[in-house]
C-alpha atoms as a PDB file:
ATOM      1  CA  MET A   1     -20.102  48.327 -11.951  1.00  0.00           C
ATOM      2  CA  GLN A   2     -22.542  45.779 -13.367  1.00  0.00           C
ATOM      3  CA  PHE A   3     -21.720  42.159 -14.048  1.00  0.00           C
ATOM      4  CA  ASN A   4     -23.598  40.230 -16.763  1.00  0.00           C
ATOM      5  CA  ASN A   5     -26.495  42.690 -16.539  1.00  0.00           C
ATOM      6  CA  MET A   6     -27.046  41.782 -12.877  1.00  0.00           C
ATOM      7  CA  ALA A   7     -28.079  44.490 -10.473  1.00  0.00           C
ATOM      8  CA  GLY A   8     -25.892  45.167  -7.457  1.00  0.00           C
ATOM      9  CA  GLU A   9     -22.494  46.416  -6.489  1.00  0.00           C
ATOM     10  CA  PHE A  10     -19.534  44.368  -7.656  1.00  0.00           C
ATOM     11  CA  GLU A  11     -15.911  45.228  -7.078  1.00  0.00           C
ATOM     12  CA  ASP A  12     -13.578  44.570  -9.977  1.00  0.00           C
ATOM     13  CA  ARG A  13     -10.540  42.779  -8.487  1.00  0.00           C
ATOM     14  CA  THR A  14      -9.115  41.550 -11.782  1.00  0.00           C
ATOM     15  CA  ASP A  15      -6.126  43.875 -11.620  1.00  0.00           C
ATOM     16  CA  ALA A  16      -5.242  42.836  -8.053  1.00  0.00           C
ATOM     17  CA  ILE A  17      -5.341  39.143  -8.928  1.00  0.00           C
ATOM     18  CA  GLU A  18      -3.371  39.592 -12.148  1.00  0.00           C
ATOM     19  CA  GLU A  19      -0.682  41.578 -10.352  1.00  0.00           C
ATOM     20  CA  GLY A  20      -0.290  38.764  -7.832  1.00  0.00           C
ATOM     21  CA  ASN A  21      -0.425  41.049  -4.825  1.00  0.00           C
ATOM     22  CA  ARG A  22      -2.368  38.678  -2.646  1.00  0.00           C
ATOM     23  CA  ASN A  23      -0.745  36.644   0.121  1.00  0.00           C
ATOM     24  CA  LYS A  24       0.098  33.007  -0.365  1.00  0.00           C
ATOM     25  CA  ARG A  25      -2.951  30.776   0.306  1.00  0.00           C
ATOM     26  CA  GLU A  26      -5.136  33.871   0.674  1.00  0.00           C
ATOM     27  CA  LEU A  27      -8.468  33.618  -1.067  1.00  0.00           C
ATOM     28  CA  VAL A  28     -10.816  36.415  -1.985  1.00  0.00           C
ATOM     29  CA  TYR A  29     -14.522  36.922  -1.471  1.00  0.00           C
ATOM     30  CA  SER A  30     -16.523  36.136  -4.543  1.00  0.00           C
ATOM     31  CA  ASP A  31     -20.235  35.527  -5.226  1.00  0.00           C
ATOM     32  CA  ASP A  32     -21.179  35.530  -1.531  1.00  0.00           C
ATOM     33  CA  ILE A  33     -18.956  32.501  -0.774  1.00  0.00           C
ATOM     34  CA  ILE A  34     -16.974  32.855   2.423  1.00  0.00           C
ATOM     35  CA  TYR A  35     -13.368  31.697   2.444  1.00  0.00           C
ATOM     36  CA  VAL A  36     -11.026  31.296   5.406  1.00  0.00           C
ATOM     37  CA  TYR A  37      -7.847  33.390   5.502  1.00  0.00           C
ATOM     38  CA  ASP A  38      -4.606  32.251   7.086  1.00  0.00           C
ATOM     39  CA  ASP A  39      -4.821  34.863   9.827  1.00  0.00           C
ATOM     40  CA  GLU A  40      -8.174  33.589  11.164  1.00  0.00           C
ATOM     41  CA  GLU A  41      -8.208  31.126  14.049  1.00  0.00           C
ATOM     42  CA  PRO A  42     -10.345  28.032  13.533  1.00  0.00           C
ATOM     43  CA  GLY A  43     -13.139  27.457  16.000  1.00  0.00           C
ATOM     44  CA  GLN A  44     -12.465  25.147  18.932  1.00  0.00           C
ATOM     45  CA  ASN A  45     -14.866  22.453  17.748  1.00  0.00           C
ATOM     46  CA  MET A  46     -13.717  22.639  14.161  1.00  0.00           C
ATOM     47  CA  TYR A  47     -11.375  19.666  14.455  1.00  0.00           C
ATOM     48  CA  LEU A  48     -12.749  16.785  16.482  1.00  0.00           C
ATOM     49  CA  PRO A  49     -10.264  14.185  17.678  1.00  0.00           C
ATOM     50  CA  ARG A  50     -10.678  10.885  15.913  1.00  0.00           C
ATOM     51  CA  SER A  51     -10.853   7.896  18.191  1.00  0.00           C
ATOM     52  CA  LYS A  52      -9.392   4.588  17.108  1.00  0.00           C
ATOM     53  CA  ARG A  53     -11.870   1.907  16.289  1.00  0.00           C
ATOM     54  CA  ALA A  54     -11.435  -1.524  17.711  1.00  0.00           C
ATOM     55  CA  VAL A  55     -11.899  -4.172  15.045  1.00  0.00           C
ATOM     56  CA  GLN A  56     -14.583  -6.525  16.195  1.00  0.00           C
ATOM     57  CA  THR A  57     -13.936 -10.117  15.307  1.00  0.00           C
ATOM     58  CA  LYS A  58     -16.772 -12.474  14.566  1.00  0.00           C
ATOM     59  CA  MET A  59     -14.805 -15.681  15.068  1.00  0.00           C
ATOM     60  CA  SER A  60     -11.514 -16.635  16.668  1.00  0.00           C
ATOM     61  CA  LEU A  61      -8.588 -17.140  14.304  1.00  0.00           C
ATOM     62  CA  ASP A  62      -8.188 -20.774  15.375  1.00  0.00           C
ATOM     63  CA  ASN A  63     -11.853 -21.568  14.729  1.00  0.00           C
ATOM     64  CA  ALA A  64     -11.803 -19.732  11.396  1.00  0.00           C
ATOM     65  CA  THR A  65      -8.620 -21.542  10.311  1.00  0.00           C
ATOM     66  CA  GLU A  66     -10.035 -24.936  11.264  1.00  0.00           C
ATOM     67  CA  TYR A  67     -13.330 -24.233   9.494  1.00  0.00           C
ATOM     68  CA  CYS A  68     -11.542 -23.099   6.312  1.00  0.00           C
ATOM     69  CA  ARG A  69      -9.156 -26.034   6.427  1.00  0.00           C
ATOM     70  CA  LYS A  70     -12.022 -28.536   6.625  1.00  0.00           C
ATOM     71  CA  ARG A  71     -14.187 -26.843   4.008  1.00  0.00           C
ATOM     72  CA  ILE A  72     -11.349 -26.437   1.499  1.00  0.00           C
ATOM     73  CA  LEU A  73      -9.227 -29.546   1.987  1.00  0.00           C
ATOM     74  CA  ASP A  74     -12.150 -31.984   2.277  1.00  0.00           C
ATOM     75  CA  THR A  75     -13.209 -31.340  -1.322  1.00  0.00           C
ATOM     76  CA  ALA A  76     -12.445 -33.789  -4.109  1.00  0.00           C
ATOM     77  CA  ALA A  77     -11.002 -30.969  -6.205  1.00  0.00           C
ATOM     78  CA  ALA A  78      -8.539 -29.949  -3.492  1.00  0.00           C
ATOM     79  CA  LYS A  79      -7.402 -33.534  -2.950  1.00  0.00           C
ATOM     80  CA  VAL A  80      -6.727 -34.079  -6.661  1.00  0.00           C
ATOM     81  CA  CYS A  81      -5.149 -30.653  -6.965  1.00  0.00           C
ATOM     82  CA  LEU A  82      -2.743 -31.162  -4.080  1.00  0.00           C
ATOM     83  CA  GLU A  83      -1.894 -34.681  -5.237  1.00  0.00           C
ATOM     84  CA  LEU A  84      -1.069 -33.791  -8.849  1.00  0.00           C
ATOM     85  CA  THR A  85       0.284 -30.251  -8.714  1.00  0.00           C
ATOM     86  CA  GLY A  86       1.639 -29.868  -5.191  1.00  0.00           C
ATOM     87  CA  VAL A  87       0.009 -26.435  -4.861  1.00  0.00           C
ATOM     88  CA  ASN A  88       0.366 -25.078  -1.349  1.00  0.00           C
ATOM     89  CA  ALA A  89      -3.126 -24.605   0.094  1.00  0.00           C
ATOM     90  CA  SER A  90      -1.908 -22.719   3.167  1.00  0.00           C
ATOM     91  CA  SER A  91      -2.191 -19.261   1.559  1.00  0.00           C
ATOM     92  CA  ALA A  92      -5.822 -19.921   0.545  1.00  0.00           C
ATOM     93  CA  ILE A  93      -6.587 -21.186   4.043  1.00  0.00           C
ATOM     94  CA  GLN A  94      -4.870 -18.227   5.729  1.00  0.00           C
ATOM     95  CA  SER A  95      -6.671 -15.628   3.631  1.00  0.00           C
ATOM     96  CA  CYS A  96      -9.963 -17.445   4.155  1.00  0.00           C
ATOM     97  CA  ALA A  97      -9.423 -17.554   7.927  1.00  0.00           C
ATOM     98  CA  ALA A  98      -8.484 -13.867   8.134  1.00  0.00           C
ATOM     99  CA  ASP A  99     -11.564 -12.829   6.149  1.00  0.00           C
ATOM    100  CA  LEU A 100     -13.819 -15.181   8.092  1.00  0.00           C
ATOM    101  CA  GLN A 101     -12.451 -13.951  11.413  1.00  0.00           C
ATOM    102  CA  LEU A 102     -13.211 -10.311  10.590  1.00  0.00           C
ATOM    103  CA  THR A 103     -16.530 -10.677   8.785  1.00  0.00           C
ATOM    104  CA  GLY A 104     -18.074 -13.955   9.877  1.00  0.00           C
ATOM    105  CA  ASP A 105     -19.311 -14.312   6.278  1.00  0.00           C
ATOM    106  CA  LEU A 106     -19.006 -17.907   5.091  1.00  0.00           C
ATOM    107  CA  ASN A 107     -18.916 -16.819   1.430  1.00  0.00           C
ATOM    108  CA  TRP A 108     -15.183 -16.167   1.890  1.00  0.00           C
ATOM    109  CA  VAL A 109     -14.646 -19.929   2.021  1.00  0.00           C
ATOM    110  CA  GLU A 110     -15.970 -20.278  -1.514  1.00  0.00           C
ATOM    111  CA  SER A 111     -13.730 -17.428  -2.671  1.00  0.00           C
ATOM    112  CA  ALA A 112     -10.654 -19.076  -1.140  1.00  0.00           C
ATOM    113  CA  PHE A 113     -11.613 -22.410  -2.710  1.00  0.00           C
ATOM    114  CA  GLU A 114     -11.926 -20.765  -6.140  1.00  0.00           C
ATOM    115  CA  SER A 115      -8.513 -19.163  -5.604  1.00  0.00           C
ATOM    116  CA  LEU A 116      -7.008 -22.569  -4.824  1.00  0.00           C
ATOM    117  CA  LYS A 117      -8.650 -24.042  -7.942  1.00  0.00           C
ATOM    118  CA  SER A 118      -7.262 -21.245 -10.079  1.00  0.00           C
ATOM    119  CA  SER A 119      -3.737 -21.843  -8.742  1.00  0.00           C
ATOM    120  CA  CYS A 120      -4.149 -25.550  -9.327  1.00  0.00           C
ATOM    121  CA  GLU A 121      -5.263 -25.099 -12.944  1.00  0.00           C
ATOM    122  CA  PHE A 122      -2.366 -22.720 -13.603  1.00  0.00           C
ATOM    123  CA  GLN A 123       0.209 -25.146 -12.159  1.00  0.00           C
ATOM    124  CA  ALA A 124      -1.329 -28.098 -14.011  1.00  0.00           C
ATOM    125  CA  VAL A 125      -1.084 -26.317 -17.370  1.00  0.00           C
ATOM    126  CA  LYS A 126       2.415 -25.054 -16.624  1.00  0.00           C
ATOM    127  CA  ASN A 127       3.826 -28.472 -15.599  1.00  0.00           C
ATOM    128  CA  PHE A 128       4.361 -30.331 -18.893  1.00  0.00           C
ATOM    129  CA  SER A 129       5.792 -33.375 -17.142  1.00  0.00           C
ATOM    130  CA  ALA A 130       2.345 -34.072 -15.625  1.00  0.00           C
ATOM    131  CA  TYR A 131       0.557 -33.987 -19.001  1.00  0.00           C
ATOM    132  CA  ASP A 132      -1.380 -37.035 -20.166  1.00  0.00           C
ATOM    133  CA  LYS A 133      -1.686 -38.377 -23.702  1.00  0.00           C
ATOM    134  CA  ASP A 134      -5.093 -38.423 -25.345  1.00  0.00           C
ATOM    135  CA  GLU A 135      -6.341 -41.106 -27.781  1.00  0.00           C
ATOM    136  CA  ASN A 136      -4.511 -39.386 -30.663  1.00  0.00           C
ATOM    137  CA  GLY A 137      -1.208 -39.336 -28.788  1.00  0.00           C
ATOM    138  CA  ASN A 138      -1.303 -35.575 -28.129  1.00  0.00           C
ATOM    139  CA  PHE A 139      -0.199 -34.210 -24.798  1.00  0.00           C
ATOM    140  CA  VAL A 140      -3.037 -32.622 -22.785  1.00  0.00           C
ATOM    141  CA  PRO A 141      -3.201 -31.193 -19.266  1.00  0.00           C
ATOM    142  CA  PRO A 142      -3.920 -33.827 -16.620  1.00  0.00           C
ATOM    143  CA  VAL A 143      -7.391 -35.219 -17.278  1.00  0.00           C
ATOM    144  CA  LYS A 144      -7.877 -35.977 -13.606  1.00  0.00           C
ATOM    145  CA  ILE A 145      -7.669 -32.257 -12.810  1.00  0.00           C
ATOM    146  CA  SER A 146      -9.984 -31.075 -15.572  1.00  0.00           C
ATOM    147  CA  GLN A 147     -12.535 -33.710 -14.606  1.00  0.00           C
ATOM    148  CA  ASN A 148     -12.534 -32.797 -10.915  1.00  0.00           C
ATOM    149  CA  LEU A 149     -12.517 -28.995 -10.928  1.00  0.00           C
ATOM    150  CA  CYS A 150     -16.190 -28.073 -10.840  1.00  0.00           C
ATOM    151  CA  PRO A 151     -17.792 -24.824  -9.678  1.00  0.00           C
ATOM    152  CA  GLY A 152     -17.975 -24.780  -5.881  1.00  0.00           C
ATOM    153  CA  ASP A 153     -17.152 -28.505  -5.869  1.00  0.00           C
ATOM    154  CA  CYS A 154     -20.874 -28.970  -6.674  1.00  0.00           C
ATOM    155  CA  ASN A 155     -21.667 -27.794  -3.110  1.00  0.00           C
ATOM    156  CA  LYS A 156     -21.670 -31.461  -2.069  1.00  0.00           C
ATOM    157  CA  ASN A 157     -25.063 -31.729  -3.819  1.00  0.00           C
ATOM    158  CA  GLY A 158     -23.850 -33.522  -6.920  1.00  0.00           C
ATOM    159  CA  ASN A 159     -20.922 -35.216  -8.643  1.00  0.00           C
ATOM    160  CA  CYS A 160     -18.225 -33.575 -10.724  1.00  0.00           C
ATOM    161  CA  THR A 161     -17.948 -35.187 -14.166  1.00  0.00           C
ATOM    162  CA  ASN A 162     -15.610 -33.776 -16.808  1.00  0.00           C
ATOM    163  CA  GLY A 163     -15.568 -30.381 -15.085  1.00  0.00           C
ATOM    164  CA  THR A 164     -19.368 -30.127 -14.970  1.00  0.00           C
ATOM    165  CA  CYS A 165     -21.661 -30.738 -12.024  1.00  0.00           C
ATOM    166  CA  VAL A 166     -24.215 -33.509 -12.338  1.00  0.00           C
ATOM    167  CA  CYS A 167     -26.614 -32.507  -9.577  1.00  0.00           C
ATOM    168  CA  ASN A 168     -28.542 -34.814  -7.294  1.00  0.00           C
ATOM    169  CA  GLU A 169     -32.256 -35.070  -8.109  1.00  0.00           C
ATOM    170  CA  GLU A 170     -33.441 -32.244  -5.863  1.00  0.00           C
ATOM    171  CA  TYR A 171     -30.739 -29.685  -6.870  1.00  0.00           C
ATOM    172  CA  VAL A 172     -30.167 -27.525  -9.948  1.00  0.00           C
ATOM    173  CA  SER A 173     -27.776 -24.818 -11.307  1.00  0.00           C
ATOM    174  CA  ALA A 174     -24.191 -24.961 -12.540  1.00  0.00           C
ATOM    175  CA  ASP A 175     -22.872 -25.563  -9.015  1.00  0.00           C
ATOM    176  CA  CYS A 176     -25.884 -27.516  -7.625  1.00  0.00           C
ATOM    177  CA  SER A 177     -26.532 -24.766  -5.094  1.00  0.00           C
ATOM    178  CA  LEU A 178     -30.282 -24.340  -5.637  1.00  0.00           C
ATOM    179  CA  ARG A 179     -32.950 -26.711  -4.471  1.00  0.00           C
ATOM    180  CA  PHE A 180     -35.423 -27.597  -7.206  1.00  0.00           C
ATOM    181  CA  ASP A 181     -38.460 -27.041  -4.969  1.00  0.00           C
ATOM    182  CA  GLU A 182     -37.206 -23.797  -3.351  1.00  0.00           C
ATOM    183  CA  VAL A 183     -38.266 -20.350  -4.542  1.00  0.00           C
ATOM    184  CA  PRO A 184     -35.133 -18.312  -5.363  1.00  0.00           C
ATOM    185  CA  ARG A 185     -34.380 -15.303  -3.141  1.00  0.00           C
ATOM    186  CA  LEU A 186     -33.750 -12.041  -4.902  1.00  0.00           C
ATOM    187  CA  PHE A 187     -31.500  -9.433  -3.318  1.00  0.00           C
ATOM    188  CA  ARG A 188     -31.466  -5.739  -4.008  1.00  0.00           C
END
């Protein structure tokens, strides 16, 4: 029998498949692909035992917690946030410490700080009793919070004014993280 004008011997197994006379989980040979049948024994090295990996820590949990606590709670934004909204910073500090312990990457501190800021903004908007009145007598979210929540707390290289960083002379960018005289590093 020919198949699509291809030379060679092909066995027509259409009837056998349609009749359902093959065993459960049994596969058939087709187009030179080899399939394993249930009655074949797998080779001895087919399944290698998987050893458990030990998670290597880059920093002790106590050191990571202390570092996160200092970096997060010593910011002006965190102080205002905790004072006005009563947001619990312990969850941000715990997640920061766990990530820092496993990775050693200090960028997790910034992520935890942004998480704390987000919680603070949400609580400030939700708590109408903390609202201030503007010059027209309208209630607005606490001005002290909106004025002190800047990106990255200006990386301690500038001052936060009305929610925007005013960078020191030698720093630029929205969060004052780049030195003016430094060539930016590009990552691939």
